[in-house]
Amino acid sequence: MAINTYLHGQAKYRVIAPCVVVDLVGGGQKYVYRNGYLPASTRPTVVEHLLEQRSIEPVEDNA
């Protein structure tokens, strides 16, 4: 069974736009500036939208 990394917070995304505003699961918003990382509680639909707009990029964990 595949795990949706958007929902489980296993994927990390770095902001490459000057700034993005993300909606958080549970309510609220957060500003994230260039080179910052999206919070794990970012709504999945926001992550998808920002990826389509090329405002964020996935970051591979080299642990």
PDB file of N, CA and C in Angstrom:
ATOM      1  N   MET A   1       0.846  -1.186   0.000  1.00  0.00           N
ATOM      2  CA  MET A   1       0.000   0.000   0.000  1.00  0.00           C
ATOM      3  C   MET A   1       0.884   1.239   0.000  1.00  0.00           C
ATOM      4  N   ALA A   2       0.619   2.148  -0.904  1.00  0.00           N
ATOM      5  CA  ALA A   2       1.388   3.388  -0.993  1.00  0.00           C
ATOM      6  C   ALA A   2       0.939   4.373   0.076  1.00  0.00           C
ATOM      7  N   ILE A   3       1.885   5.122   0.593  1.00  0.00           N
ATOM      8  CA  ILE A   3       1.589   6.137   1.603  1.00  0.00           C
ATOM      9  C   ILE A   3       1.577   7.495   0.922  1.00  0.00           C
ATOM     10  N   ASN A   4       0.543   8.262   1.185  1.00  0.00           N
ATOM     11  CA  ASN A   4       0.459   9.612   0.644  1.00  0.00           C
ATOM     12  C   ASN A   4       1.384  10.502   1.467  1.00  0.00           C
ATOM     13  N   THR A   5       2.525  10.883   0.895  1.00  0.00           N
ATOM     14  CA  THR A   5       3.506  11.674   1.639  1.00  0.00           C
ATOM     15  C   THR A   5       3.005  13.070   1.949  1.00  0.00           C
ATOM     16  N   TYR A   6       2.041  13.562   1.176  1.00  0.00           N
ATOM     17  CA  TYR A   6       1.452  14.864   1.501  1.00  0.00           C
ATOM     18  C   TYR A   6       0.794  14.804   2.877  1.00  0.00           C
ATOM     19  N   LEU A   7       0.056  13.709   3.127  1.00  0.00           N
ATOM     20  CA  LEU A   7      -0.728  13.605   4.355  1.00  0.00           C
ATOM     21  C   LEU A   7       0.102  13.176   5.553  1.00  0.00           C
ATOM     22  N   HIS A   8       1.133  12.418   5.333  1.00  0.00           N
ATOM     23  CA  HIS A   8       1.892  11.879   6.445  1.00  0.00           C
ATOM     24  C   HIS A   8       3.133  12.700   6.776  1.00  0.00           C
ATOM     25  N   GLY A   9       3.360  13.785   6.087  1.00  0.00           N
ATOM     26  CA  GLY A   9       4.451  14.682   6.423  1.00  0.00           C
ATOM     27  C   GLY A   9       5.839  14.110   6.197  1.00  0.00           C
ATOM     28  N   GLN A  10       5.962  13.082   5.362  1.00  0.00           N
ATOM     29  CA  GLN A  10       7.267  12.490   5.140  1.00  0.00           C
ATOM     30  C   GLN A  10       8.059  13.225   4.070  1.00  0.00           C
ATOM     31  N   ALA A  11       7.375  13.917   3.201  1.00  0.00           N
ATOM     32  CA  ALA A  11       8.063  14.684   2.172  1.00  0.00           C
ATOM     33  C   ALA A  11       8.365  16.074   2.712  1.00  0.00           C
ATOM     34  N   LYS A  12       9.496  16.630   2.275  1.00  0.00           N
ATOM     35  CA  LYS A  12       9.844  17.993   2.663  1.00  0.00           C
ATOM     36  C   LYS A  12       9.902  18.834   1.393  1.00  0.00           C
ATOM     37  N   TYR A  13       9.468  20.059   1.526  1.00  0.00           N
ATOM     38  CA  TYR A  13       9.450  20.974   0.383  1.00  0.00           C
ATOM     39  C   TYR A  13      10.099  22.292   0.776  1.00  0.00           C
ATOM     40  N   ARG A  14      10.984  22.785  -0.100  1.00  0.00           N
ATOM     41  CA  ARG A  14      11.667  24.061   0.106  1.00  0.00           C
ATOM     42  C   ARG A  14      11.024  25.097  -0.811  1.00  0.00           C
ATOM     43  N   VAL A  15      10.864  26.300  -0.288  1.00  0.00           N
ATOM     44  CA  VAL A  15      10.273  27.395  -1.057  1.00  0.00           C
ATOM     45  C   VAL A  15      11.338  27.983  -1.974  1.00  0.00           C
ATOM     46  N   ILE A  16      10.999  28.102  -3.257  1.00  0.00           N
ATOM     47  CA  ILE A  16      11.923  28.725  -4.206  1.00  0.00           C
ATOM     48  C   ILE A  16      11.371  30.057  -4.721  1.00  0.00           C
ATOM     49  N   ALA A  17      10.107  30.334  -4.443  1.00  0.00           N
ATOM     50  CA  ALA A  17       9.534  31.646  -4.740  1.00  0.00           C
ATOM     51  C   ALA A  17       9.986  32.608  -3.632  1.00  0.00           C
ATOM     52  N   PRO A  18       9.840  33.915  -3.826  1.00  0.00           N
ATOM     53  CA  PRO A  18      10.216  34.846  -2.762  1.00  0.00           C
ATOM     54  C   PRO A  18       9.469  34.587  -1.451  1.00  0.00           C
ATOM     55  N   CYS A  19       8.180  34.252  -1.542  1.00  0.00           N
ATOM     56  CA  CYS A  19       7.373  34.003  -0.351  1.00  0.00           C
ATOM     57  C   CYS A  19       6.099  33.274  -0.766  1.00  0.00           C
ATOM     58  N   VAL A  20       5.629  32.370   0.088  1.00  0.00           N
ATOM     59  CA  VAL A  20       4.342  31.723  -0.132  1.00  0.00           C
ATOM     60  C   VAL A  20       3.550  31.799   1.176  1.00  0.00           C
ATOM     61  N   VAL A  21       2.237  31.766   1.041  1.00  0.00           N
ATOM     62  CA  VAL A  21       1.352  31.689   2.206  1.00  0.00           C
ATOM     63  C   VAL A  21       0.648  30.356   2.124  1.00  0.00           C
ATOM     64  N   VAL A  22       0.748  29.561   3.189  1.00  0.00           N
ATOM     65  CA  VAL A  22       0.153  28.228   3.178  1.00  0.00           C
ATOM     66  C   VAL A  22      -0.959  28.130   4.206  1.00  0.00           C
ATOM     67  N   ASP A  23      -2.011  27.400   3.833  1.00  0.00           N
ATOM     68  CA  ASP A  23      -3.092  27.075   4.763  1.00  0.00           C
ATOM     69  C   ASP A  23      -2.682  25.829   5.523  1.00  0.00           C
ATOM     70  N   LEU A  24      -2.966  25.819   6.814  1.00  0.00           N
ATOM     71  CA  LEU A  24      -2.578  24.706   7.662  1.00  0.00           C
ATOM     72  C   LEU A  24      -3.781  23.841   8.004  1.00  0.00           C
ATOM     73  N   VAL A  25      -3.548  22.539   8.099  1.00  0.00           N
ATOM     74  CA  VAL A  25      -4.590  21.624   8.560  1.00  0.00           C
ATOM     75  C   VAL A  25      -4.914  22.032   9.996  1.00  0.00           C
ATOM     76  N   GLY A  26      -6.180  22.147  10.296  1.00  0.00           N
ATOM     77  CA  GLY A  26      -6.578  22.580  11.627  1.00  0.00           C
ATOM     78  C   GLY A  26      -6.815  24.082  11.711  1.00  0.00           C
ATOM     79  N   GLY A  27      -6.556  24.779  10.605  1.00  0.00           N
ATOM     80  CA  GLY A  27      -6.816  26.218  10.545  1.00  0.00           C
ATOM     81  C   GLY A  27      -5.550  27.049  10.635  1.00  0.00           C
ATOM     82  N   GLY A  28      -5.659  28.256  10.196  1.00  0.00           N
ATOM     83  CA  GLY A  28      -4.541  29.190  10.235  1.00  0.00           C
ATOM     84  C   GLY A  28      -3.739  29.189   8.951  1.00  0.00           C
ATOM     85  N   GLN A  29      -2.848  30.151   8.872  1.00  0.00           N
ATOM     86  CA  GLN A  29      -1.967  30.303   7.728  1.00  0.00           C
ATOM     87  C   GLN A  29      -0.571  30.612   8.226  1.00  0.00           C
ATOM     88  N   LYS A  30       0.397  30.380   7.360  1.00  0.00           N
ATOM     89  CA  LYS A  30       1.781  30.699   7.694  1.00  0.00           C
ATOM     90  C   LYS A  30       2.485  31.232   6.458  1.00  0.00           C
ATOM     91  N   TYR A  31       3.273  32.281   6.644  1.00  0.00           N
ATOM     92  CA  TYR A  31       4.141  32.796   5.586  1.00  0.00           C
ATOM     93  C   TYR A  31       5.451  32.028   5.647  1.00  0.00           C
ATOM     94  N   VAL A  32       5.908  31.579   4.476  1.00  0.00           N
ATOM     95  CA  VAL A  32       7.198  30.886   4.402  1.00  0.00           C
ATOM     96  C   VAL A  32       8.009  31.583   3.311  1.00  0.00           C
ATOM     97  N   TYR A  33       9.209  32.008   3.660  1.00  0.00           N
ATOM     98  CA  TYR A  33      10.050  32.759   2.739  1.00  0.00           C
ATOM     99  C   TYR A  33      11.045  31.851   2.023  1.00  0.00           C
ATOM    100  N   ARG A  34      11.640  32.365   0.944  1.00  0.00           N
ATOM    101  CA  ARG A  34      12.569  31.605   0.105  1.00  0.00           C
ATOM    102  C   ARG A  34      13.578  30.835   0.964  1.00  0.00           C
ATOM    103  N   ASN A  35      13.818  29.601   0.568  1.00  0.00           N
ATOM    104  CA  ASN A  35      14.720  28.655   1.227  1.00  0.00           C
ATOM    105  C   ASN A  35      14.181  28.101   2.536  1.00  0.00           C
ATOM    106  N   GLY A  36      12.968  28.514   2.935  1.00  0.00           N
ATOM    107  CA  GLY A  36      12.328  27.925   4.105  1.00  0.00           C
ATOM    108  C   GLY A  36      11.633  26.630   3.718  1.00  0.00           C
ATOM    109  N   TYR A  37      11.237  25.865   4.715  1.00  0.00           N
ATOM    110  CA  TYR A  37      10.561  24.584   4.490  1.00  0.00           C
ATOM    111  C   TYR A  37       9.098  24.691   4.881  1.00  0.00           C
ATOM    112  N   LEU A  38       8.235  24.053   4.084  1.00  0.00           N
ATOM    113  CA  LEU A  38       6.817  24.050   4.417  1.00  0.00           C
ATOM    114  C   LEU A  38       6.591  23.261   5.707  1.00  0.00           C
ATOM    115  N   PRO A  39       5.687  23.742   6.558  1.00  0.00           N
ATOM    116  CA  PRO A  39       5.350  22.974   7.754  1.00  0.00           C
ATOM    117  C   PRO A  39       4.696  21.643   7.374  1.00  0.00           C
ATOM    118  N   ALA A  40       4.879  20.618   8.191  1.00  0.00           N
ATOM    119  CA  ALA A  40       4.283  19.311   7.934  1.00  0.00           C
ATOM    120  C   ALA A  40       2.767  19.380   7.927  1.00  0.00           C
ATOM    121  N   SER A  41       2.204  20.396   8.565  1.00  0.00           N
ATOM    122  CA  SER A  41       0.744  20.530   8.648  1.00  0.00           C
ATOM    123  C   SER A  41       0.146  21.330   7.489  1.00  0.00           C
ATOM    124  N   THR A  42       0.932  21.583   6.438  1.00  0.00           N
ATOM    125  CA  THR A  42       0.412  22.291   5.265  1.00  0.00           C
ATOM    126  C   THR A  42      -0.647  21.431   4.580  1.00  0.00           C
ATOM    127  N   ARG A  43      -1.755  22.062   4.183  1.00  0.00           N
ATOM    128  CA  ARG A  43      -2.832  21.323   3.504  1.00  0.00           C
ATOM    129  C   ARG A  43      -2.299  20.710   2.207  1.00  0.00           C
ATOM    130  N   PRO A  44      -2.650  19.447   1.942  1.00  0.00           N
ATOM    131  CA  PRO A  44      -2.176  18.762   0.727  1.00  0.00           C
ATOM    132  C   PRO A  44      -2.526  19.492  -0.564  1.00  0.00           C
ATOM    133  N   THR A  45      -3.697  20.111  -0.629  1.00  0.00           N
ATOM    134  CA  THR A  45      -4.089  20.819  -1.850  1.00  0.00           C
ATOM    135  C   THR A  45      -3.190  22.028  -2.097  1.00  0.00           C
ATOM    136  N   VAL A  46      -2.707  22.635  -1.032  1.00  0.00           N
ATOM    137  CA  VAL A  46      -1.791  23.777  -1.156  1.00  0.00           C
ATOM    138  C   VAL A  46      -0.443  23.295  -1.685  1.00  0.00           C
ATOM    139  N   VAL A  47       0.033  22.172  -1.175  1.00  0.00           N
ATOM    140  CA  VAL A  47       1.301  21.606  -1.653  1.00  0.00           C
ATOM    141  C   VAL A  47       1.199  21.313  -3.150  1.00  0.00           C
ATOM    142  N   GLU A  48       0.128  20.684  -3.571  1.00  0.00           N
ATOM    143  CA  GLU A  48      -0.059  20.367  -4.994  1.00  0.00           C
ATOM    144  C   GLU A  48      -0.069  21.635  -5.837  1.00  0.00           C
ATOM    145  N   HIS A  49      -0.794  22.659  -5.379  1.00  0.00           N
ATOM    146  CA  HIS A  49      -0.880  23.922  -6.116  1.00  0.00           C
ATOM    147  C   HIS A  49       0.506  24.578  -6.234  1.00  0.00           C
ATOM    148  N   LEU A  50       1.236  24.629  -5.130  1.00  0.00           N
ATOM    149  CA  LEU A  50       2.549  25.277  -5.154  1.00  0.00           C
ATOM    150  C   LEU A  50       3.537  24.506  -6.030  1.00  0.00           C
ATOM    151  N   LEU A  51       3.425  23.183  -6.068  1.00  0.00           N
ATOM    152  CA  LEU A  51       4.270  22.399  -6.966  1.00  0.00           C
ATOM    153  C   LEU A  51       3.956  22.718  -8.423  1.00  0.00           C
ATOM    154  N   GLU A  52       2.668  22.822  -8.751  1.00  0.00           N
ATOM    155  CA  GLU A  52       2.266  23.163 -10.118  1.00  0.00           C
ATOM    156  C   GLU A  52       2.765  24.544 -10.520  1.00  0.00           C
ATOM    157  N   GLN A  53       2.790  25.464  -9.588  1.00  0.00           N
ATOM    158  CA  GLN A  53       3.241  26.831  -9.854  1.00  0.00           C
ATOM    159  C   GLN A  53       4.764  26.974  -9.817  1.00  0.00           C
ATOM    160  N   ARG A  54       5.439  25.880  -9.457  1.00  0.00           N
ATOM    161  CA  ARG A  54       6.907  25.878  -9.306  1.00  0.00           C
ATOM    162  C   ARG A  54       7.366  26.886  -8.258  1.00  0.00           C
ATOM    163  N   SER A  55       6.580  26.998  -7.199  1.00  0.00           N
ATOM    164  CA  SER A  55       6.938  27.878  -6.084  1.00  0.00           C
ATOM    165  C   SER A  55       7.697  27.127  -5.006  1.00  0.00           C
ATOM    166  N   ILE A  56       7.615  25.795  -5.042  1.00  0.00           N
ATOM    167  CA  ILE A  56       8.345  24.954  -4.081  1.00  0.00           C
ATOM    168  C   ILE A  56       8.997  23.811  -4.840  1.00  0.00           C
ATOM    169  N   GLU A  57       9.950  23.149  -4.175  1.00  0.00           N
ATOM    170  CA  GLU A  57      10.599  21.980  -4.760  1.00  0.00           C
ATOM    171  C   GLU A  57      10.739  20.917  -3.682  1.00  0.00           C
ATOM    172  N   PRO A  58      10.628  19.647  -4.066  1.00  0.00           N
ATOM    173  CA  PRO A  58      10.831  18.582  -3.086  1.00  0.00           C
ATOM    174  C   PRO A  58      12.306  18.521  -2.669  1.00  0.00           C
ATOM    175  N   VAL A  59      12.528  18.159  -1.425  1.00  0.00           N
ATOM    176  CA  VAL A  59      13.875  18.023  -0.895  1.00  0.00           C
ATOM    177  C   VAL A  59      14.063  16.566  -0.492  1.00  0.00           C
ATOM    178  N   GLU A  60      15.115  15.954  -0.965  1.00  0.00           N
ATOM    179  CA  GLU A  60      15.391  14.570  -0.614  1.00  0.00           C
ATOM    180  C   GLU A  60      16.132  14.518   0.704  1.00  0.00           C
ATOM    181  N   ASP A  61      15.712  13.586   1.552  1.00  0.00           N
ATOM    182  CA  ASP A  61      16.351  13.403   2.850  1.00  0.00           C
ATOM    183  C   ASP A  61      17.500  12.433   2.670  1.00  0.00           C
ATOM    184  N   ASN A  62      18.711  12.896   2.884  1.00  0.00           N
ATOM    185  CA  ASN A  62      19.894  12.055   2.705  1.00  0.00           C
ATOM    186  C   ASN A  62      20.380  11.466   4.017  1.00  0.00           C
ATOM    187  N   ALA A  63      19.429  10.996   4.830  1.00  0.00           N
ATOM    188  CA  ALA A  63      19.820  10.444   6.133  1.00  0.00           C
ATOM    189  C   ALA A  63      20.262   9.010   6.022  1.00  0.00           C
TER     190      ALA A  63
END
